[in-house]
Amino acid sequence: MFNQPRSAYVHIPFCTQICYYCDFSKVFIKNQPVDAYLEALIKEFDSYQIKSLNTLYIGGGTPTAITAPQLDYLLRNLQKNLDLSQLKEFTIEANPGDLSPEKIEVLKNSAVNRVSLGVQTFNDKHLRQIGRSHNEAQIYESISQLKEAGFENISIDLIYALPGQTMKDVEENVAKALSLDIPHLSLYSLILEHHTVFMNKMRRGKLNLPTEDLETEMFEYIINELEKNGFEHYEISNFSKPGKESQHNLMYWDNVPYYGCGAGASGYLDGVRYRNRGPIQHYLKGINEDHNARLQEEFLTEKEMMEEEFFLGLRKKSGVSILGFEEKFGISFQERYGKIVDALIKDNMLQMTNQHIRMTKKGLFLGDTVAEKFILD
């Protein structure tokens, strides 16, 4: 049932500034043992003896917060044993404020072929309000420099439903994103996470968020405007030009195994979901002394695997393949889920197309509620 993973995620936890909404595993880079961390990270990556991958993704934190020589060390060592002819997509996350010409040169000389920029908004006032260190001008500058260096597969992240954000702000953001002429956009509504500046502000009644109705209106506008401009809404939060979907992220939604390396990183191997230790020193100690930085491992039951198949698969426009499900789990889809699917189709939450079940537009707005229906006692 478990195939050899064809994807790997690598985590760089360092940031030059901590954003007010972020709860990812990250630390302020000043005075951190970056070189020691990169050495330990490569040691963990090498321990899996990976020879061939289809996708490799470096996320964070901010991978471009490290220096150009450190970035060069990281990229050279990650790709040194890989069959690069098999590596279809090698993505690195970057921030417009950190992406210097030297770092772009390092990327150009590596196997990296896709860059994902953390733009979040084009509005300078909102950028300051959410704790970002770049400004609008740096966004255009970074994308221009990346294109000059030969990078065409560029994606940007945008957040909507920000504090004080209006419909007009969202319309301006979408228009500016479209003007960049890039093939991939990720748009997320603001989620309030525990232990963040924004959550603390909200608890004190100091966060002026858009209403739920306005947030829905923003999402509908984004979908319609991007589809009108040739983007396919291929996953709840992701839009791409044809053939430019994020191959790495599709792997998560297809619910297949992958390696996860680095502090706080998660992976999925042989039916086990694992998470590494988050604090840097704990991670270093784990790798250097115990040759393993895992904090927890969860052995999934077949029932849990089936539930995840829906939670992840229904996020995609293509949905869940009935035949693929039956081949994977060796059970009758109709016998187990037929009544649930029929009820959701009746409620206009799901639709059946070419033996795939997928969300309707109505279902997309209630994604988790729909997926929860597939959790059986």
Protein backbone atom coordinates (compact mmCIF):
# COMPACT_ATOMS: atom_id res chain seq x y z
CA MET A 1 0.00 0.00 0.00
CA PHE A 2 2.86 2.38 0.77
CA ASN A 3 5.01 3.55 -2.10
CA GLN A 4 8.46 5.10 -1.91
CA PRO A 5 7.98 8.86 -1.34
CA ARG A 6 8.60 10.99 -4.41
CA SER A 7 8.48 14.33 -2.58
CA ALA A 8 10.32 16.05 0.25
CA TYR A 9 9.66 19.14 2.33
CA VAL A 10 12.61 20.98 3.92
CA HIS A 11 12.02 23.58 6.64
CA ILE A 12 14.07 26.73 7.25
CA PRO A 13 12.73 28.25 10.49
CA PHE A 14 14.50 31.62 10.36
CA CYS A 15 12.82 34.99 9.74
CA THR A 16 14.11 38.56 9.66
CA GLN A 17 10.78 39.64 11.15
CA ILE A 18 7.95 37.75 12.85
CA CYS A 19 4.55 38.43 11.23
CA TYR A 20 1.58 39.09 13.48
CA TYR A 21 -0.57 36.26 12.08
CA CYS A 22 2.02 33.48 11.76
CA ASP A 23 2.11 30.37 13.95
CA PHE A 24 4.54 28.33 11.82
CA SER A 25 7.69 26.91 13.38
CA LYS A 26 9.99 29.94 13.16
CA VAL A 27 12.48 32.11 15.09
CA PHE A 28 13.97 35.57 14.65
CA ILE A 29 17.27 34.91 12.82
CA LYS A 30 19.56 37.23 14.83
CA ASN A 31 22.08 35.30 16.99
CA GLN A 32 20.74 31.92 15.82
CA PRO A 33 23.14 29.01 15.00
CA VAL A 34 22.22 29.03 11.30
CA ASP A 35 25.32 27.14 10.05
CA ALA A 36 24.90 24.41 12.68
CA TYR A 37 21.22 24.13 11.78
CA LEU A 38 21.91 23.75 8.05
CA GLU A 39 24.50 21.04 8.76
CA ALA A 40 22.03 19.13 10.94
CA LEU A 41 19.30 19.56 8.33
CA ILE A 42 21.49 18.07 5.59
CA LYS A 43 22.45 15.23 7.97
CA GLU A 44 18.73 14.43 8.44
CA PHE A 45 18.01 14.70 4.70
CA ASP A 46 20.96 12.41 3.88
CA SER A 47 19.81 9.87 6.49
CA TYR A 48 16.86 9.00 4.25
CA GLN A 49 19.28 8.14 1.40
CA ILE A 50 17.05 9.90 -1.12
CA LYS A 51 18.18 9.34 -4.69
CA SER A 52 15.14 10.40 -6.69
CA LEU A 53 12.34 12.91 -6.13
CA ASN A 54 9.64 14.43 -8.32
CA THR A 55 9.17 17.48 -6.09
CA LEU A 56 11.31 19.21 -3.50
CA TYR A 57 10.02 22.18 -1.52
CA ILE A 58 11.94 24.50 0.80
CA GLY A 59 9.60 26.39 3.08
CA GLY A 60 9.70 28.35 6.29
CA GLY A 61 10.05 30.60 8.11
CA THR A 62 11.83 32.41 5.36
CA PRO A 63 14.39 30.37 3.40
CA THR A 64 15.79 33.59 1.87
CA ALA A 65 16.48 35.05 5.34
CA ILE A 66 19.80 33.17 5.35
CA THR A 67 22.88 34.61 3.58
CA ALA A 68 23.71 33.86 -0.07
CA PRO A 69 26.64 31.54 0.89
CA GLN A 70 24.39 29.68 3.36
CA LEU A 71 21.70 29.36 0.70
CA ASP A 72 24.29 28.02 -1.74
CA TYR A 73 25.43 25.44 0.85
CA LEU A 74 21.83 24.33 1.43
CA LEU A 75 20.91 23.96 -2.25
CA ARG A 76 24.14 22.25 -3.28
CA ASN A 77 23.83 19.67 -0.52
CA LEU A 78 20.14 18.98 -1.04
CA GLN A 79 20.60 18.21 -4.74
CA LYS A 80 24.04 16.53 -4.61
CA ASN A 81 22.73 12.92 -4.61
CA LEU A 82 19.52 13.48 -6.54
CA ASP A 83 18.79 12.35 -10.06
CA LEU A 84 17.95 15.85 -11.33
CA SER A 85 16.34 14.45 -14.49
CA GLN A 86 13.51 13.17 -12.25
CA LEU A 87 13.12 16.40 -10.29
CA LYS A 88 10.16 18.05 -12.02
CA GLU A 89 9.57 20.84 -9.52
CA PHE A 90 11.99 22.38 -7.01
CA THR A 91 10.32 25.24 -5.15
CA ILE A 92 11.72 27.71 -2.66
CA GLU A 93 9.71 30.21 -0.64
CA ALA A 94 11.06 33.76 -0.58
CA ASN A 95 10.19 37.18 0.79
CA PRO A 96 10.43 40.24 -1.45
CA GLY A 97 12.45 42.11 1.20
CA ASP A 98 15.06 39.33 1.54
CA LEU A 99 15.61 38.40 -2.09
CA SER A 100 18.89 40.13 -2.97
CA PRO A 101 20.57 39.88 -6.42
CA GLU A 102 23.22 37.61 -4.81
CA LYS A 103 20.56 35.18 -3.59
CA ILE A 104 18.80 35.20 -6.95
CA GLU A 105 22.14 34.35 -8.56
CA VAL A 106 22.51 31.38 -6.17
CA LEU A 107 18.99 30.20 -7.10
CA LYS A 108 19.81 30.58 -10.80
CA ASN A 109 22.89 28.35 -10.41
CA SER A 110 20.90 25.60 -8.63
CA ALA A 111 18.17 23.17 -9.72
CA VAL A 112 15.45 25.44 -8.26
CA ASN A 113 12.82 26.07 -10.97
CA ARG A 114 9.92 27.59 -9.01
CA VAL A 115 9.77 30.49 -6.56
CA SER A 116 6.89 31.19 -4.19
CA LEU A 117 6.85 34.80 -2.92
CA GLY A 118 5.18 35.77 0.35
CA VAL A 119 3.53 38.98 -0.89
CA GLN A 120 0.36 38.86 1.33
CA THR A 121 -0.88 42.30 0.16
CA PHE A 122 0.23 45.14 -2.13
CA ASN A 123 -1.02 47.77 0.30
CA ASP A 124 1.91 49.33 2.21
CA LYS A 125 -0.29 50.33 5.14
CA HIS A 126 -1.66 46.79 5.48
CA LEU A 127 1.83 45.32 5.10
CA ARG A 128 2.95 47.34 8.13
CA GLN A 129 -0.19 46.39 10.06
CA ILE A 130 0.45 42.64 9.63
CA GLY A 131 4.15 42.89 10.52
CA ARG A 132 5.70 42.41 7.07
CA SER A 133 9.09 43.97 6.40
CA HIS A 134 8.76 44.57 2.62
CA ASN A 135 6.82 47.19 0.68
CA GLU A 136 4.91 47.22 -2.62
CA ALA A 137 7.88 48.49 -4.65
CA GLN A 138 10.01 45.53 -3.50
CA ILE A 139 7.37 43.07 -4.75
CA TYR A 140 7.65 44.40 -8.32
CA GLU A 141 11.44 44.60 -8.06
CA SER A 142 11.77 40.98 -6.87
CA ILE A 143 9.49 39.60 -9.59
CA SER A 144 11.26 41.63 -12.27
CA GLN A 145 14.68 40.35 -11.09
CA LEU A 146 13.44 36.75 -10.95
CA LYS A 147 12.09 36.99 -14.50
CA GLU A 148 15.38 38.51 -15.69
CA ALA A 149 17.20 35.56 -14.11
CA GLY A 150 15.03 33.18 -16.16
CA PHE A 151 12.42 32.16 -13.57
CA GLU A 152 9.00 31.89 -15.16
CA ASN A 153 7.28 29.58 -12.69
CA ILE A 154 6.56 32.17 -9.99
CA SER A 155 3.77 32.05 -7.44
CA ILE A 156 2.64 34.63 -4.90
CA ASP A 157 0.67 34.29 -1.66
CA LEU A 158 -2.01 36.84 -0.81
CA ILE A 159 -4.13 37.10 2.35
CA TYR A 160 -7.62 38.56 2.32
CA ALA A 161 -10.05 39.45 5.15
CA LEU A 162 -7.23 41.40 6.83
CA PRO A 163 -8.04 43.83 9.66
CA GLY A 164 -9.64 46.96 8.19
CA GLN A 165 -9.55 45.57 4.65
CA THR A 166 -12.38 46.63 2.33
CA MET A 167 -13.78 45.11 -0.83
CA LYS A 168 -12.03 47.87 -2.79
CA ASP A 169 -8.68 46.82 -1.23
CA VAL A 170 -9.26 43.23 -2.36
CA GLU A 171 -10.17 44.37 -5.88
CA GLU A 172 -6.93 46.40 -6.05
CA ASN A 173 -4.87 43.45 -4.77
CA VAL A 174 -6.33 41.09 -7.37
CA ALA A 175 -5.79 43.62 -10.18
CA LYS A 176 -2.15 44.14 -9.15
CA ALA A 177 -1.57 40.39 -8.86
CA LEU A 178 -2.95 39.85 -12.38
CA SER A 179 -0.74 42.63 -13.76
CA LEU A 180 2.37 40.66 -12.71
CA ASP A 181 1.80 38.10 -15.47
CA ILE A 182 2.71 35.07 -13.35
CA PRO A 183 1.16 31.58 -13.60
CA HIS A 184 0.18 30.79 -9.99
CA LEU A 185 -1.59 32.55 -7.11
CA SER A 186 -2.46 31.32 -3.61
CA LEU A 187 -5.13 33.30 -1.75
CA TYR A 188 -5.91 32.58 1.89
CA SER A 189 -8.37 34.20 4.25
CA LEU A 190 -6.79 35.37 7.50
CA ILE A 191 -6.90 32.62 10.13
CA LEU A 192 -6.39 33.65 13.75
CA GLU A 193 -3.94 31.22 15.33
CA HIS A 194 -3.10 30.81 19.02
CA HIS A 195 0.10 32.46 20.35
CA THR A 196 0.12 35.15 17.66
CA VAL A 197 0.02 38.94 17.99
CA PHE A 198 -3.31 39.03 16.12
CA MET A 199 -4.99 36.49 18.42
CA ASN A 200 -3.89 38.48 21.47
CA LYS A 201 -5.23 41.67 19.87
CA MET A 202 -8.56 40.02 19.07
CA ARG A 203 -8.94 38.84 22.67
CA ARG A 204 -8.48 42.43 23.77
CA GLY A 205 -11.10 43.60 21.25
CA LYS A 206 -8.48 45.51 19.22
CA LEU A 207 -8.79 43.70 15.89
CA ASN A 208 -11.23 45.14 13.37
CA LEU A 209 -11.91 42.15 11.07
CA PRO A 210 -14.31 42.07 8.08
CA THR A 211 -17.66 40.39 8.72
CA GLU A 212 -18.23 36.79 7.65
CA ASP A 213 -20.53 37.98 4.85
CA LEU A 214 -17.88 40.38 3.54
CA GLU A 215 -15.24 37.64 3.70
CA THR A 216 -17.52 35.38 1.60
CA GLU A 217 -18.06 38.23 -0.86
CA MET A 218 -14.28 38.71 -1.11
CA PHE A 219 -13.75 35.00 -1.81
CA GLU A 220 -16.47 34.94 -4.50
CA TYR A 221 -14.97 38.03 -6.15
CA ILE A 222 -11.47 36.47 -6.15
CA ILE A 223 -12.72 33.22 -7.72
CA ASN A 224 -14.75 34.96 -10.43
CA GLU A 225 -12.05 37.51 -11.30
CA LEU A 226 -9.23 34.97 -11.54
CA GLU A 227 -11.28 32.47 -13.55
CA LYS A 228 -12.25 35.31 -15.91
CA ASN A 229 -8.50 35.91 -16.45
CA GLY A 230 -7.60 32.32 -17.39
CA PHE A 231 -6.75 30.91 -13.96
CA GLU A 232 -8.13 27.55 -12.90
CA HIS A 233 -9.37 27.28 -9.32
CA TYR A 234 -7.77 23.85 -8.86
CA GLU A 235 -7.76 23.77 -5.03
CA ILE A 236 -9.71 25.72 -2.40
CA SER A 237 -7.00 28.39 -1.99
CA ASN A 238 -4.98 27.93 -5.18
CA PHE A 239 -5.28 29.21 -8.75
CA SER A 240 -3.05 28.47 -11.72
CA LYS A 241 -2.70 28.86 -15.44
CA PRO A 242 -3.13 25.47 -17.20
CA GLY A 243 -0.27 23.09 -16.39
CA LYS A 244 1.21 25.36 -13.70
CA GLU A 245 -0.41 23.79 -10.63
CA SER A 246 1.90 23.31 -7.65
CA GLN A 247 2.99 19.70 -8.15
CA HIS A 248 4.34 19.53 -4.61
CA ASN A 249 1.15 20.72 -2.94
CA LEU A 250 -0.95 18.42 -5.12
CA MET A 251 1.04 15.61 -3.52
CA TYR A 252 -0.32 16.61 -0.07
CA TRP A 253 -3.90 16.73 -1.36
CA ASP A 254 -3.44 13.41 -3.13
CA ASN A 255 -2.55 12.03 0.32
CA VAL A 256 0.69 10.30 -0.68
CA PRO A 257 3.85 9.77 1.43
CA TYR A 258 6.59 12.42 1.67
CA TYR A 259 9.74 13.16 3.64
CA GLY A 260 9.71 16.10 6.05
CA CYS A 261 13.07 17.47 7.23
CA GLY A 262 13.95 20.29 9.59
CA ALA A 263 12.83 21.77 12.90
CA GLY A 264 9.06 21.50 13.31
CA ALA A 265 8.68 19.78 9.91
CA SER A 266 6.08 17.06 9.35
CA GLY A 267 6.35 13.99 7.15
CA TYR A 268 4.31 10.94 6.15
CA LEU A 269 6.15 7.64 5.71
CA ASP A 270 4.82 4.04 5.73
CA GLY A 271 1.47 5.05 7.17
CA VAL A 272 3.08 7.11 9.95
CA ARG A 273 2.59 10.87 10.23
CA TYR A 274 5.49 12.36 12.19
CA ARG A 275 6.54 15.76 13.42
CA ASN A 276 10.05 16.92 14.31
CA ARG A 277 11.02 18.91 17.38
CA GLY A 278 10.45 22.63 16.85
CA PRO A 279 12.92 24.52 19.07
CA ILE A 280 16.26 24.81 17.24
CA GLN A 281 18.45 23.50 20.09
CA HIS A 282 16.14 20.51 20.62
CA TYR A 283 16.30 19.74 16.91
CA LEU A 284 20.12 20.03 16.85
CA LYS A 285 20.45 17.78 19.90
CA GLY A 286 18.08 15.22 18.37
CA ILE A 287 19.95 15.03 15.06
CA ASN A 288 23.50 15.19 16.46
CA GLU A 289 23.06 12.93 19.49
CA ASP A 290 20.09 10.67 18.76
CA HIS A 291 20.30 10.78 14.91
CA ASN A 292 16.57 11.52 14.99
CA ALA A 293 14.63 14.70 15.80
CA ARG A 294 11.12 13.26 15.88
CA LEU A 295 8.84 14.61 18.57
CA GLN A 296 5.81 12.48 17.81
CA GLU A 297 4.68 9.71 15.49
CA GLU A 298 1.11 8.78 14.71
CA PHE A 299 0.42 5.36 13.20
CA LEU A 300 -2.73 5.86 11.13
CA THR A 301 -5.44 3.22 11.11
CA GLU A 302 -7.02 2.36 7.77
CA LYS A 303 -10.14 4.25 8.90
CA GLU A 304 -8.05 7.39 9.56
CA MET A 305 -6.34 7.03 6.18
CA MET A 306 -9.72 6.91 4.45
CA GLU A 307 -10.92 9.98 6.35
CA GLU A 308 -7.78 11.88 5.32
CA GLU A 309 -8.39 10.87 1.71
CA PHE A 310 -11.60 12.94 1.84
CA PHE A 311 -10.31 15.84 3.96
CA LEU A 312 -7.42 16.35 1.56
CA GLY A 313 -8.87 15.15 -1.75
CA LEU A 314 -12.04 17.22 -1.59
CA ARG A 315 -9.93 20.39 -1.44
CA LYS A 316 -9.04 19.79 -5.11
CA LYS A 317 -11.26 20.79 -7.99
CA SER A 318 -10.84 17.25 -9.39
CA GLY A 319 -12.03 15.81 -6.06
CA VAL A 320 -11.71 12.14 -5.01
CA SER A 321 -11.56 9.33 -7.56
CA ILE A 322 -13.98 6.53 -6.66
CA LEU A 323 -11.94 3.95 -8.59
CA GLY A 324 -8.67 5.23 -7.08
CA PHE A 325 -10.19 5.01 -3.61
CA GLU A 326 -11.36 1.42 -4.15
CA GLU A 327 -7.97 0.38 -5.54
CA LYS A 328 -6.16 1.99 -2.61
CA PHE A 329 -8.32 0.59 0.16
CA GLY A 330 -9.89 -2.52 -1.40
CA ILE A 331 -13.46 -1.72 -0.33
CA SER A 332 -16.69 -0.79 -2.08
CA PHE A 333 -17.08 2.98 -2.15
CA GLN A 334 -20.81 2.71 -2.73
CA GLU A 335 -21.41 0.39 0.23
CA ARG A 336 -19.45 2.54 2.65
CA TYR A 337 -20.20 6.09 1.50
CA GLY A 338 -23.06 5.88 -1.02
CA LYS A 339 -25.74 7.28 1.34
CA ILE A 340 -23.49 10.13 2.52
CA VAL A 341 -22.61 11.11 -1.05
CA ASP A 342 -26.26 10.96 -2.15
CA ALA A 343 -27.31 13.25 0.72
CA LEU A 344 -24.53 15.76 -0.02
CA ILE A 345 -25.40 15.80 -3.73
CA LYS A 346 -29.04 16.42 -2.78
CA ASP A 347 -27.92 19.37 -0.60
CA ASN A 348 -25.88 20.72 -3.56
CA MET A 349 -22.61 20.32 -1.61
CA LEU A 350 -21.09 17.63 -3.84
CA GLN A 351 -21.35 16.65 -7.48
CA MET A 352 -20.36 13.49 -9.32
CA THR A 353 -18.32 13.86 -12.54
CA ASN A 354 -16.56 11.02 -14.38
CA GLN A 355 -16.53 8.79 -11.31
CA HIS A 356 -15.03 11.58 -9.18
CA ILE A 357 -16.85 13.23 -6.30
CA ARG A 358 -16.05 16.88 -5.90
CA MET A 359 -17.26 20.03 -4.20
CA THR A 360 -19.82 22.36 -5.72
CA LYS A 361 -19.22 26.10 -5.27
CA LYS A 362 -21.59 25.97 -2.31
CA GLY A 363 -19.57 23.06 -0.87
CA LEU A 364 -16.30 24.99 -1.23
CA PHE A 365 -17.50 27.63 1.22
CA LEU A 366 -18.25 24.90 3.78
CA GLY A 367 -15.28 22.65 3.01
CA ASP A 368 -14.54 21.19 6.45
CA THR A 369 -18.24 20.64 7.20
CA VAL A 370 -18.58 18.58 4.02
CA ALA A 371 -15.41 16.55 4.70
CA GLU A 372 -16.55 15.81 8.27
CA LYS A 373 -19.55 13.90 6.93
CA PHE A 374 -17.12 11.14 5.87
CA ILE A 375 -16.01 10.49 9.44
CA LEU A 376 -17.90 7.34 10.37
CA ASP A 377 -18.22 5.77 13.83
